[in-house]
Amino acid sequence: MLFVGNSAKGRIAEIMDTKSLDAEFFVRVSVTSGGCSGLSYQLDFDNESQENDQVFEDNGVKVVTDLKSFLYLCNTTLEFSGGLEGKGFYFDNPNASRTCGCGESFSV
């Protein structure tokens, strides 16, 4: 399961409204090689399903990831932090053994 915190839910709704994205769109999360810790998170809006997609809905937000990425993301919560020292979207990933200082990459 992938989870969506209240802070992320609010920010996702704002972005979808600003970009006039309809209910067909969902949040696509993936993990790619790269970053200073070895793996990086990718976060986009999408409206096309792919083969082997894993689909979750939490807190009223539909989140989709590919099967390979899900192995790294299982039980992860998407959060959002704003303000002067906010990080933007970030992932609370219990599978990560190490994260970089900016929080955009991790290793397992």
PDB file of N, CA and C in Angstrom:
ATOM      1  N   MET A   1       0.837  -1.182   0.000  1.00  0.00           N
ATOM      2  CA  MET A   1       0.000   0.000   0.000  1.00  0.00           C
ATOM      3  C   MET A   1       0.878   1.240   0.000  1.00  0.00           C
ATOM      4  N   LEU A   2       0.424   2.253  -0.705  1.00  0.00           N
ATOM      5  CA  LEU A   2       1.032   3.580  -0.648  1.00  0.00           C
ATOM      6  C   LEU A   2       0.029   4.500   0.037  1.00  0.00           C
ATOM      7  N   PHE A   3       0.521   5.382   0.873  1.00  0.00           N
ATOM      8  CA  PHE A   3      -0.340   6.253   1.653  1.00  0.00           C
ATOM      9  C   PHE A   3      -0.123   7.716   1.266  1.00  0.00           C
ATOM     10  N   VAL A   4      -1.157   8.544   1.500  1.00  0.00           N
ATOM     11  CA  VAL A   4      -1.096   9.970   1.205  1.00  0.00           C
ATOM     12  C   VAL A   4      -1.467  10.732   2.476  1.00  0.00           C
ATOM     13  N   GLY A   5      -0.532  11.522   2.978  1.00  0.00           N
ATOM     14  CA  GLY A   5      -0.788  12.333   4.162  1.00  0.00           C
ATOM     15  C   GLY A   5      -1.729  13.487   3.840  1.00  0.00           C
ATOM     16  N   ASN A   6      -2.337  14.053   4.870  1.00  0.00           N
ATOM     17  CA  ASN A   6      -3.265  15.171   4.684  1.00  0.00           C
ATOM     18  C   ASN A   6      -2.597  16.370   4.008  1.00  0.00           C
ATOM     19  N   SER A   7      -1.340  16.613   4.357  1.00  0.00           N
ATOM     20  CA  SER A   7      -0.628  17.754   3.761  1.00  0.00           C
ATOM     21  C   SER A   7      -0.458  17.555   2.254  1.00  0.00           C
ATOM     22  N   ALA A   8      -0.119  16.340   1.844  1.00  0.00           N
ATOM     23  CA  ALA A   8       0.051  16.041   0.414  1.00  0.00           C
ATOM     24  C   ALA A   8      -1.287  16.072  -0.304  1.00  0.00           C
ATOM     25  N   LYS A   9      -2.322  15.561   0.339  1.00  0.00           N
ATOM     26  CA  LYS A   9      -3.653  15.565  -0.267  1.00  0.00           C
ATOM     27  C   LYS A   9      -4.079  16.989  -0.629  1.00  0.00           C
ATOM     28  N   GLY A  10      -3.896  17.917   0.293  1.00  0.00           N
ATOM     29  CA  GLY A  10      -4.273  19.303   0.043  1.00  0.00           C
ATOM     30  C   GLY A  10      -3.482  19.917  -1.099  1.00  0.00           C
ATOM     31  N   ARG A  11      -2.186  19.684  -1.115  1.00  0.00           N
ATOM     32  CA  ARG A  11      -1.336  20.260  -2.168  1.00  0.00           C
ATOM     33  C   ARG A  11      -1.647  19.644  -3.528  1.00  0.00           C
ATOM     34  N   ILE A  12      -1.913  18.338  -3.575  1.00  0.00           N
ATOM     35  CA  ILE A  12      -2.268  17.673  -4.833  1.00  0.00           C
ATOM     36  C   ILE A  12      -3.555  18.270  -5.386  1.00  0.00           C
ATOM     37  N   ALA A  13      -4.536  18.472  -4.513  1.00  0.00           N
ATOM     38  CA  ALA A  13      -5.807  19.070  -4.949  1.00  0.00           C
ATOM     39  C   ALA A  13      -5.589  20.473  -5.511  1.00  0.00           C
ATOM     40  N   GLU A  14      -4.743  21.275  -4.878  1.00  0.00           N
ATOM     41  CA  GLU A  14      -4.427  22.627  -5.371  1.00  0.00           C
ATOM     42  C   GLU A  14      -3.795  22.571  -6.759  1.00  0.00           C
ATOM     43  N   ILE A  15      -2.825  21.698  -6.936  1.00  0.00           N
ATOM     44  CA  ILE A  15      -2.129  21.592  -8.226  1.00  0.00           C
ATOM     45  C   ILE A  15      -3.087  21.133  -9.312  1.00  0.00           C
ATOM     46  N   MET A  16      -3.896  20.128  -9.006  1.00  0.00           N
ATOM     47  CA  MET A  16      -4.835  19.626 -10.011  1.00  0.00           C
ATOM     48  C   MET A  16      -5.831  20.715 -10.403  1.00  0.00           C
ATOM     49  N   ASP A  17      -6.260  21.517  -9.448  1.00  0.00           N
ATOM     50  CA  ASP A  17      -7.180  22.609  -9.736  1.00  0.00           C
ATOM     51  C   ASP A  17      -6.503  23.681 -10.590  1.00  0.00           C
ATOM     52  N   THR A  18      -5.296  24.050 -10.225  1.00  0.00           N
ATOM     53  CA  THR A  18      -4.547  25.077 -10.960  1.00  0.00           C
ATOM     54  C   THR A  18      -4.286  24.667 -12.408  1.00  0.00           C
ATOM     55  N   LYS A  19      -3.967  23.383 -12.600  1.00  0.00           N
ATOM     56  CA  LYS A  19      -3.663  22.876 -13.941  1.00  0.00           C
ATOM     57  C   LYS A  19      -4.897  22.361 -14.671  1.00  0.00           C
ATOM     58  N   SER A  20      -6.069  22.515 -14.050  1.00  0.00           N
ATOM     59  CA  SER A  20      -7.344  22.056 -14.632  1.00  0.00           C
ATOM     60  C   SER A  20      -7.308  20.589 -15.012  1.00  0.00           C
ATOM     61  N   LEU A  21      -6.754  19.763 -14.133  1.00  0.00           N
ATOM     62  CA  LEU A  21      -6.710  18.323 -14.360  1.00  0.00           C
ATOM     63  C   LEU A  21      -8.006  17.714 -13.843  1.00  0.00           C
ATOM     64  N   ASP A  22      -8.654  16.896 -14.668  1.00  0.00           N
ATOM     65  CA  ASP A  22      -9.926  16.312 -14.253  1.00  0.00           C
ATOM     66  C   ASP A  22      -9.702  15.024 -13.457  1.00  0.00           C
ATOM     67  N   ALA A  23     -10.793  14.367 -13.087  1.00  0.00           N
ATOM     68  CA  ALA A  23     -10.745  13.182 -12.229  1.00  0.00           C
ATOM     69  C   ALA A  23     -10.057  11.985 -12.884  1.00  0.00           C
ATOM     70  N   GLU A  24      -9.815  12.028 -14.195  1.00  0.00           N
ATOM     71  CA  GLU A  24      -9.089  10.946 -14.862  1.00  0.00           C
ATOM     72  C   GLU A  24      -7.618  10.902 -14.431  1.00  0.00           C
ATOM     73  N   PHE A  25      -7.089  12.013 -13.979  1.00  0.00           N
ATOM     74  CA  PHE A  25      -5.679  12.100 -13.620  1.00  0.00           C
ATOM     75  C   PHE A  25      -5.433  11.520 -12.233  1.00  0.00           C
ATOM     76  N   PHE A  26      -4.250  10.959 -12.076  1.00  0.00           N
ATOM     77  CA  PHE A  26      -3.828  10.394 -10.803  1.00  0.00           C
ATOM     78  C   PHE A  26      -2.360  10.742 -10.593  1.00  0.00           C
ATOM     79  N   VAL A  27      -1.879  10.467  -9.400  1.00  0.00           N
ATOM     80  CA  VAL A  27      -0.476  10.702  -9.078  1.00  0.00           C
ATOM     81  C   VAL A  27       0.298   9.431  -9.410  1.00  0.00           C
ATOM     82  N   ARG A  28       1.325   9.578 -10.248  1.00  0.00           N
ATOM     83  CA  ARG A  28       2.194   8.446 -10.577  1.00  0.00           C
ATOM     84  C   ARG A  28       3.509   8.634  -9.835  1.00  0.00           C
ATOM     85  N   VAL A  29       3.867   7.605  -9.068  1.00  0.00           N
ATOM     86  CA  VAL A  29       5.109   7.617  -8.305  1.00  0.00           C
ATOM     87  C   VAL A  29       5.992   6.499  -8.836  1.00  0.00           C
ATOM     88  N   SER A  30       7.257   6.800  -9.042  1.00  0.00           N
ATOM     89  CA  SER A  30       8.184   5.772  -9.487  1.00  0.00           C
ATOM     90  C   SER A  30       9.551   5.993  -8.851  1.00  0.00           C
ATOM     91  N   VAL A  31      10.360   4.968  -8.933  1.00  0.00           N
ATOM     92  CA  VAL A  31      11.722   5.015  -8.427  1.00  0.00           C
ATOM     93  C   VAL A  31      12.653   4.779  -9.604  1.00  0.00           C
ATOM     94  N   THR A  32      13.659   5.640  -9.741  1.00  0.00           N
ATOM     95  CA  THR A  32      14.627   5.515 -10.819  1.00  0.00           C
ATOM     96  C   THR A  32      16.037   5.470 -10.233  1.00  0.00           C
ATOM     97  N   SER A  33      16.972   4.956 -10.997  1.00  0.00           N
ATOM     98  CA  SER A  33      18.372   4.971 -10.574  1.00  0.00           C
ATOM     99  C   SER A  33      18.895   6.390 -10.657  1.00  0.00           C
ATOM    100  N   GLY A  34      19.688   6.775  -9.682  1.00  0.00           N
ATOM    101  CA  GLY A  34      20.302   8.090  -9.699  1.00  0.00           C
ATOM    102  C   GLY A  34      20.209   8.771  -8.352  1.00  0.00           C
ATOM    103  N   GLY A  35      20.668   9.993  -8.319  1.00  0.00           N
ATOM    104  CA  GLY A  35      20.692  10.739  -7.067  1.00  0.00           C
ATOM    105  C   GLY A  35      21.926  10.385  -6.262  1.00  0.00           C
ATOM    106  N   CYS A  36      22.179  11.162  -5.230  1.00  0.00           N
ATOM    107  CA  CYS A  36      23.400  10.959  -4.458  1.00  0.00           C
ATOM    108  C   CYS A  36      23.350   9.723  -3.564  1.00  0.00           C
ATOM    109  N   SER A  37      22.165   9.142  -3.352  1.00  0.00           N
ATOM    110  CA  SER A  37      22.080   7.922  -2.538  1.00  0.00           C
ATOM    111  C   SER A  37      21.805   6.667  -3.364  1.00  0.00           C
ATOM    112  N   GLY A  38      21.658   6.807  -4.675  1.00  0.00           N
ATOM    113  CA  GLY A  38      21.517   5.640  -5.538  1.00  0.00           C
ATOM    114  C   GLY A  38      20.167   5.494  -6.209  1.00  0.00           C
ATOM    115  N   LEU A  39      19.076   5.865  -5.525  1.00  0.00           N
ATOM    116  CA  LEU A  39      17.736   5.769  -6.086  1.00  0.00           C
ATOM    117  C   LEU A  39      17.016   7.097  -5.880  1.00  0.00           C
ATOM    118  N   SER A  40      16.207   7.494  -6.863  1.00  0.00           N
ATOM    119  CA  SER A  40      15.485   8.762  -6.776  1.00  0.00           C
ATOM    120  C   SER A  40      13.995   8.541  -6.958  1.00  0.00           C
ATOM    121  N   TYR A  41      13.217   9.404  -6.302  1.00  0.00           N
ATOM    122  CA  TYR A  41      11.768   9.377  -6.459  1.00  0.00           C
ATOM    123  C   TYR A  41      11.366  10.221  -7.660  1.00  0.00           C
ATOM    124  N   GLN A  42      10.357   9.781  -8.361  1.00  0.00           N
ATOM    125  CA  GLN A  42       9.781  10.530  -9.484  1.00  0.00           C
ATOM    126  C   GLN A  42       8.294  10.682  -9.178  1.00  0.00           C
ATOM    127  N   LEU A  43       7.772  11.882  -9.306  1.00  0.00           N
ATOM    128  CA  LEU A  43       6.375  12.161  -8.991  1.00  0.00           C
ATOM    129  C   LEU A  43       5.781  12.979 -10.118  1.00  0.00           C
ATOM    130  N   ASP A  44       4.695  12.469 -10.743  1.00  0.00           N
ATOM    131  CA  ASP A  44       4.060  13.143 -11.871  1.00  0.00           C
ATOM    132  C   ASP A  44       2.551  12.942 -11.798  1.00  0.00           C
ATOM    133  N   PHE A  45       1.834  13.702 -12.617  1.00  0.00           N
ATOM    134  CA  PHE A  45       0.418  13.455 -12.843  1.00  0.00           C
ATOM    135  C   PHE A  45       0.297  12.716 -14.165  1.00  0.00           C
ATOM    136  N   ASP A  46      -0.608  11.752 -14.221  1.00  0.00           N
ATOM    137  CA  ASP A  46      -0.771  10.931 -15.414  1.00  0.00           C
ATOM    138  C   ASP A  46      -2.242  10.571 -15.545  1.00  0.00           C
ATOM    139  N   ASN A  47      -2.654  10.195 -16.746  1.00  0.00           N
ATOM    140  CA  ASN A  47      -4.022   9.726 -16.941  1.00  0.00           C
ATOM    141  C   ASN A  47      -4.073   8.462 -17.798  1.00  0.00           C
ATOM    142  N   GLU A  48      -2.909   7.826 -17.976  1.00  0.00           N
ATOM    143  CA  GLU A  48      -2.844   6.597 -18.760  1.00  0.00           C
ATOM    144  C   GLU A  48      -2.233   5.480 -17.935  1.00  0.00           C
ATOM    145  N   SER A  49      -2.988   4.393 -17.802  1.00  0.00           N
ATOM    146  CA  SER A  49      -2.495   3.235 -17.064  1.00  0.00           C
ATOM    147  C   SER A  49      -1.507   2.456 -17.920  1.00  0.00           C
ATOM    148  N   GLN A  50      -0.579   1.800 -17.259  1.00  0.00           N
ATOM    149  CA  GLN A  50       0.419   0.968 -17.917  1.00  0.00           C
ATOM    150  C   GLN A  50       0.257  -0.469 -17.426  1.00  0.00           C
ATOM    151  N   GLU A  51       0.753  -1.399 -18.222  1.00  0.00           N
ATOM    152  CA  GLU A  51       0.733  -2.798 -17.807  1.00  0.00           C
ATOM    153  C   GLU A  51       1.540  -2.937 -16.511  1.00  0.00           C
ATOM    154  N   ASN A  52       1.069  -3.753 -15.605  1.00  0.00           N
ATOM    155  CA  ASN A  52       1.708  -4.018 -14.307  1.00  0.00           C
ATOM    156  C   ASN A  52       1.640  -2.851 -13.327  1.00  0.00           C
ATOM    157  N   ASP A  53       0.775  -1.866 -13.588  1.00  0.00           N
ATOM    158  CA  ASP A  53       0.579  -0.788 -12.618  1.00  0.00           C
ATOM    159  C   ASP A  53      -0.049  -1.334 -11.344  1.00  0.00           C
ATOM    160  N   GLN A  54       0.397  -0.812 -10.247  1.00  0.00           N
ATOM    161  CA  GLN A  54      -0.194  -1.095  -8.948  1.00  0.00           C
ATOM    162  C   GLN A  54      -0.987   0.152  -8.569  1.00  0.00           C
ATOM    163  N   VAL A  55      -2.268   0.007  -8.299  1.00  0.00           N
ATOM    164  CA  VAL A  55      -3.157   1.148  -8.073  1.00  0.00           C
ATOM    165  C   VAL A  55      -3.622   1.150  -6.626  1.00  0.00           C
ATOM    166  N   PHE A  56      -3.521   2.309  -5.983  1.00  0.00           N
ATOM    167  CA  PHE A  56      -3.930   2.482  -4.594  1.00  0.00           C
ATOM    168  C   PHE A  56      -4.751   3.759  -4.478  1.00  0.00           C
ATOM    169  N   GLU A  57      -5.641   3.790  -3.529  1.00  0.00           N
ATOM    170  CA  GLU A  57      -6.349   5.024  -3.217  1.00  0.00           C
ATOM    171  C   GLU A  57      -6.313   5.204  -1.716  1.00  0.00           C
ATOM    172  N   ASP A  58      -5.789   6.344  -1.288  1.00  0.00           N
ATOM    173  CA  ASP A  58      -5.723   6.654   0.129  1.00  0.00           C
ATOM    174  C   ASP A  58      -6.056   8.125   0.317  1.00  0.00           C
ATOM    175  N   ASN A  59      -6.845   8.401   1.318  1.00  0.00           N
ATOM    176  CA  ASN A  59      -7.176   9.782   1.669  1.00  0.00           C
ATOM    177  C   ASN A  59      -7.801  10.520   0.490  1.00  0.00           C
ATOM    178  N   GLY A  60      -8.509   9.785  -0.371  1.00  0.00           N
ATOM    179  CA  GLY A  60      -9.186  10.385  -1.512  1.00  0.00           C
ATOM    180  C   GLY A  60      -8.299  10.668  -2.703  1.00  0.00           C
ATOM    181  N   VAL A  61      -7.058  10.183  -2.669  1.00  0.00           N
ATOM    182  CA  VAL A  61      -6.102  10.423  -3.760  1.00  0.00           C
ATOM    183  C   VAL A  61      -5.720   9.086  -4.384  1.00  0.00           C
ATOM    184  N   LYS A  62      -5.814   9.002  -5.704  1.00  0.00           N
ATOM    185  CA  LYS A  62      -5.410   7.799  -6.428  1.00  0.00           C
ATOM    186  C   LYS A  62      -3.918   7.893  -6.736  1.00  0.00           C
ATOM    187  N   VAL A  63      -3.179   6.864  -6.298  1.00  0.00           N
ATOM    188  CA  VAL A  63      -1.731   6.804  -6.499  1.00  0.00           C
ATOM    189  C   VAL A  63      -1.424   5.530  -7.273  1.00  0.00           C
ATOM    190  N   VAL A  64      -0.602   5.657  -8.313  1.00  0.00           N
ATOM    191  CA  VAL A  64      -0.258   4.529  -9.176  1.00  0.00           C
ATOM    192  C   VAL A  64       1.258   4.426  -9.248  1.00  0.00           C
ATOM    193  N   THR A  65       1.751   3.201  -9.221  1.00  0.00           N
ATOM    194  CA  THR A  65       3.179   2.958  -9.372  1.00  0.00           C
ATOM    195  C   THR A  65       3.380   1.672 -10.168  1.00  0.00           C
ATOM    196  N   ASP A  66       4.518   1.547 -10.801  1.00  0.00           N
ATOM    197  CA  ASP A  66       4.830   0.303 -11.500  1.00  0.00           C
ATOM    198  C   ASP A  66       5.283  -0.732 -10.473  1.00  0.00           C
ATOM    199  N   LEU A  67       5.230  -1.986 -10.858  1.00  0.00           N
ATOM    200  CA  LEU A  67       5.524  -3.081  -9.941  1.00  0.00           C
ATOM    201  C   LEU A  67       6.947  -3.007  -9.391  1.00  0.00           C
ATOM    202  N   LYS A  68       7.915  -2.701 -10.234  1.00  0.00           N
ATOM    203  CA  LYS A  68       9.313  -2.618  -9.786  1.00  0.00           C
ATOM    204  C   LYS A  68       9.479  -1.531  -8.730  1.00  0.00           C
ATOM    205  N   SER A  69       8.884  -0.360  -8.969  1.00  0.00           N
ATOM    206  CA  SER A  69       8.990   0.733  -7.998  1.00  0.00           C
ATOM    207  C   SER A  69       8.287   0.395  -6.696  1.00  0.00           C
ATOM    208  N   PHE A  70       7.171  -0.339  -6.792  1.00  0.00           N
ATOM    209  CA  PHE A  70       6.423  -0.683  -5.593  1.00  0.00           C
ATOM    210  C   PHE A  70       7.267  -1.478  -4.608  1.00  0.00           C
ATOM    211  N   LEU A  71       8.196  -2.281  -5.110  1.00  0.00           N
ATOM    212  CA  LEU A  71       9.068  -3.046  -4.225  1.00  0.00           C
ATOM    213  C   LEU A  71       9.865  -2.127  -3.303  1.00  0.00           C
ATOM    214  N   TYR A  72      10.183  -0.921  -3.760  1.00  0.00           N
ATOM    215  CA  TYR A  72      10.906   0.057  -2.947  1.00  0.00           C
ATOM    216  C   TYR A  72       9.961   0.957  -2.142  1.00  0.00           C
ATOM    217  N   LEU A  73       8.707   1.053  -2.577  1.00  0.00           N
ATOM    218  CA  LEU A  73       7.775   2.024  -2.010  1.00  0.00           C
ATOM    219  C   LEU A  73       6.726   1.446  -1.068  1.00  0.00           C
ATOM    220  N   CYS A  74       6.700   0.151  -0.895  1.00  0.00           N
ATOM    221  CA  CYS A  74       5.677  -0.487  -0.066  1.00  0.00           C
ATOM    222  C   CYS A  74       5.611   0.184   1.311  1.00  0.00           C
ATOM    223  N   ASN A  75       4.406   0.593   1.711  1.00  0.00           N
ATOM    224  CA  ASN A  75       4.120   1.246   3.003  1.00  0.00           C
ATOM    225  C   ASN A  75       4.718   2.648   3.141  1.00  0.00           C
ATOM    226  N   THR A  76       5.032   3.283   2.028  1.00  0.00           N
ATOM    227  CA  THR A  76       5.550   4.649   2.025  1.00  0.00           C
ATOM    228  C   THR A  76       4.393   5.644   2.059  1.00  0.00           C
ATOM    229  N   THR A  77       4.612   6.763   2.741  1.00  0.00           N
ATOM    230  CA  THR A  77       3.616   7.833   2.813  1.00  0.00           C
ATOM    231  C   THR A  77       4.144   9.064   2.082  1.00  0.00           C
ATOM    232  N   LEU A  78       3.336   9.583   1.174  1.00  0.00           N
ATOM    233  CA  LEU A  78       3.652  10.826   0.480  1.00  0.00           C
ATOM    234  C   LEU A  78       3.194  11.981   1.359  1.00  0.00           C
ATOM    235  N   GLU A  79       4.085  12.921   1.631  1.00  0.00           N
ATOM    236  CA  GLU A  79       3.796  14.073   2.481  1.00  0.00           C
ATOM    237  C   GLU A  79       4.152  15.355   1.729  1.00  0.00           C
ATOM    238  N   PHE A  80       3.745  16.488   2.292  1.00  0.00           N
ATOM    239  CA  PHE A  80       4.104  17.788   1.722  1.00  0.00           C
ATOM    240  C   PHE A  80       4.451  18.727   2.858  1.00  0.00           C
ATOM    241  N   SER A  81       5.517  19.475   2.672  1.00  0.00           N
ATOM    242  CA  SER A  81       5.924  20.469   3.655  1.00  0.00           C
ATOM    243  C   SER A  81       6.135  21.794   2.942  1.00  0.00           C
ATOM    244  N   GLY A  82       5.426  22.818   3.366  1.00  0.00           N
ATOM    245  CA  GLY A  82       5.556  24.144   2.751  1.00  0.00           C
ATOM    246  C   GLY A  82       6.275  25.094   3.695  1.00  0.00           C
ATOM    247  N   GLY A  83       6.164  26.374   3.425  1.00  0.00           N
ATOM    248  CA  GLY A  83       6.782  27.373   4.285  1.00  0.00           C
ATOM    249  C   GLY A  83       8.182  27.733   3.846  1.00  0.00           C
ATOM    250  N   LEU A  84       8.829  28.543   4.650  1.00  0.00           N
ATOM    251  CA  LEU A  84      10.161  29.041   4.304  1.00  0.00           C
ATOM    252  C   LEU A  84      11.201  27.940   4.205  1.00  0.00           C
ATOM    253  N   GLU A  85      11.120  26.947   5.075  1.00  0.00           N
ATOM    254  CA  GLU A  85      12.099  25.869   5.041  1.00  0.00           C
ATOM    255  C   GLU A  85      11.467  24.556   4.595  1.00  0.00           C
ATOM    256  N   GLY A  86      10.349  24.649   3.872  1.00  0.00           N
ATOM    257  CA  GLY A  86       9.645  23.450   3.418  1.00  0.00           C
ATOM    258  C   GLY A  86      10.399  22.718   2.341  1.00  0.00           C
ATOM    259  N   LYS A  87      10.141  21.434   2.231  1.00  0.00           N
ATOM    260  CA  LYS A  87      10.797  20.593   1.250  1.00  0.00           C
ATOM    261  C   LYS A  87       9.947  20.380   0.012  1.00  0.00           C
ATOM    262  N   GLY A  88       8.675  20.761   0.043  1.00  0.00           N
ATOM    263  CA  GLY A  88       7.764  20.383  -1.019  1.00  0.00           C
ATOM    264  C   GLY A  88       7.274  18.972  -0.737  1.00  0.00           C
ATOM    265  N   PHE A  89       7.052  18.194  -1.782  1.00  0.00           N
ATOM    266  CA  PHE A  89       6.655  16.802  -1.579  1.00  0.00           C
ATOM    267  C   PHE A  89       7.858  16.000  -1.104  1.00  0.00           C
ATOM    268  N   TYR A  90       7.607  15.095  -0.173  1.00  0.00           N
ATOM    269  CA  TYR A  90       8.654  14.190   0.269  1.00  0.00           C
ATOM    270  C   TYR A  90       8.023  12.856   0.661  1.00  0.00           C
ATOM    271  N   PHE A  91       8.855  11.843   0.789  1.00  0.00           N
ATOM    272  CA  PHE A  91       8.390  10.485   1.039  1.00  0.00           C
ATOM    273  C   PHE A  91       8.888  10.011   2.395  1.00  0.00           C
ATOM    274  N   ASP A  92       7.979   9.514   3.207  1.00  0.00           N
ATOM    275  CA  ASP A  92       8.335   8.866   4.461  1.00  0.00           C
ATOM    276  C   ASP A  92       8.383   7.374   4.150  1.00  0.00           C
ATOM    277  N   ASN A  93       9.572   6.893   3.829  1.00  0.00           N
ATOM    278  CA  ASN A  93       9.762   5.541   3.311  1.00  0.00           C
ATOM    279  C   ASN A  93      10.432   4.654   4.363  1.00  0.00           C
ATOM    280  N   PRO A  94       9.671   3.713   4.945  1.00  0.00           N
ATOM    281  CA  PRO A  94      10.263   2.833   5.961  1.00  0.00           C
ATOM    282  C   PRO A  94      11.272   1.845   5.387  1.00  0.00           C
ATOM    283  N   ASN A  95      11.339   1.705   4.072  1.00  0.00           N
ATOM    284  CA  ASN A  95      12.266   0.769   3.428  1.00  0.00           C
ATOM    285  C   ASN A  95      13.641   1.386   3.198  1.00  0.00           C
ATOM    286  N   ALA A  96      13.756   2.701   3.296  1.00  0.00           N
ATOM    287  CA  ALA A  96      15.021   3.386   3.007  1.00  0.00           C
ATOM    288  C   ALA A  96      15.978   3.231   4.180  1.00  0.00           C
ATOM    289  N   SER A  97      17.154   2.733   3.898  1.00  0.00           N
ATOM    290  CA  SER A  97      18.173   2.603   4.943  1.00  0.00           C
ATOM    291  C   SER A  97      18.994   3.887   5.072  1.00  0.00           C
ATOM    292  N   ARG A  98      18.988   4.688   3.998  1.00  0.00           N
ATOM    293  CA  ARG A  98      19.750   5.938   3.996  1.00  0.00           C
ATOM    294  C   ARG A  98      19.083   6.894   3.022  1.00  0.00           C
ATOM    295  N   THR A  99      19.020   8.172   3.368  1.00  0.00           N
ATOM    296  CA  THR A  99      18.510   9.196   2.458  1.00  0.00           C
ATOM    297  C   THR A  99      19.526  10.317   2.372  1.00  0.00           C
ATOM    298  N   CYS A 100      19.470  11.065   1.287  1.00  0.00           N
ATOM    299  CA  CYS A 100      20.385  12.188   1.143  1.00  0.00           C
ATOM    300  C   CYS A 100      19.830  13.381   1.931  1.00  0.00           C
ATOM    301  N   GLY A 101      20.608  14.415   2.063  1.00  0.00           N
ATOM    302  CA  GLY A 101      20.204  15.592   2.820  1.00  0.00           C
ATOM    303  C   GLY A 101      18.993  16.281   2.253  1.00  0.00           C
ATOM    304  N   CYS A 102      18.816  16.270   0.949  1.00  0.00           N
ATOM    305  CA  CYS A 102      17.678  16.959   0.332  1.00  0.00           C
ATOM    306  C   CYS A 102      16.423  16.093   0.344  1.00  0.00           C
ATOM    307  N   GLY A 103      16.547  14.789   0.633  1.00  0.00           N
ATOM    308  CA  GLY A 103      15.399  13.897   0.703  1.00  0.00           C
ATOM    309  C   GLY A 103      14.883  13.413  -0.627  1.00  0.00           C
ATOM    310  N   GLU A 104      15.593  13.716  -1.704  1.00  0.00           N
ATOM    311  CA  GLU A 104      15.131  13.319  -3.027  1.00  0.00           C
ATOM    312  C   GLU A 104      15.685  11.991  -3.493  1.00  0.00           C
ATOM    313  N   SER A 105      16.648  11.442  -2.777  1.00  0.00           N
ATOM    314  CA  SER A 105      17.168  10.128  -3.152  1.00  0.00           C
ATOM    315  C   SER A 105      17.381   9.295  -1.894  1.00  0.00           C
ATOM    316  N   PHE A 106      17.489   7.987  -2.115  1.00  0.00           N
ATOM    317  CA  PHE A 106      17.600   7.064  -0.987  1.00  0.00           C
ATOM    318  C   PHE A 106      18.290   5.786  -1.428  1.00  0.00           C
ATOM    319  N   SER A 107      18.595   4.944  -0.458  1.00  0.00           N
ATOM    320  CA  SER A 107      19.100   3.606  -0.760  1.00  0.00           C
ATOM    321  C   SER A 107      18.426   2.628   0.188  1.00  0.00           C
ATOM    322  N   VAL A 108      18.441   1.365  -0.209  1.00  0.00           N
ATOM    323  CA  VAL A 108      17.825   0.317   0.614  1.00  0.00           C
ATOM    324  C   VAL A 108      18.864  -0.702   1.028  1.00  0.00           C
TER     325      VAL A 108
END
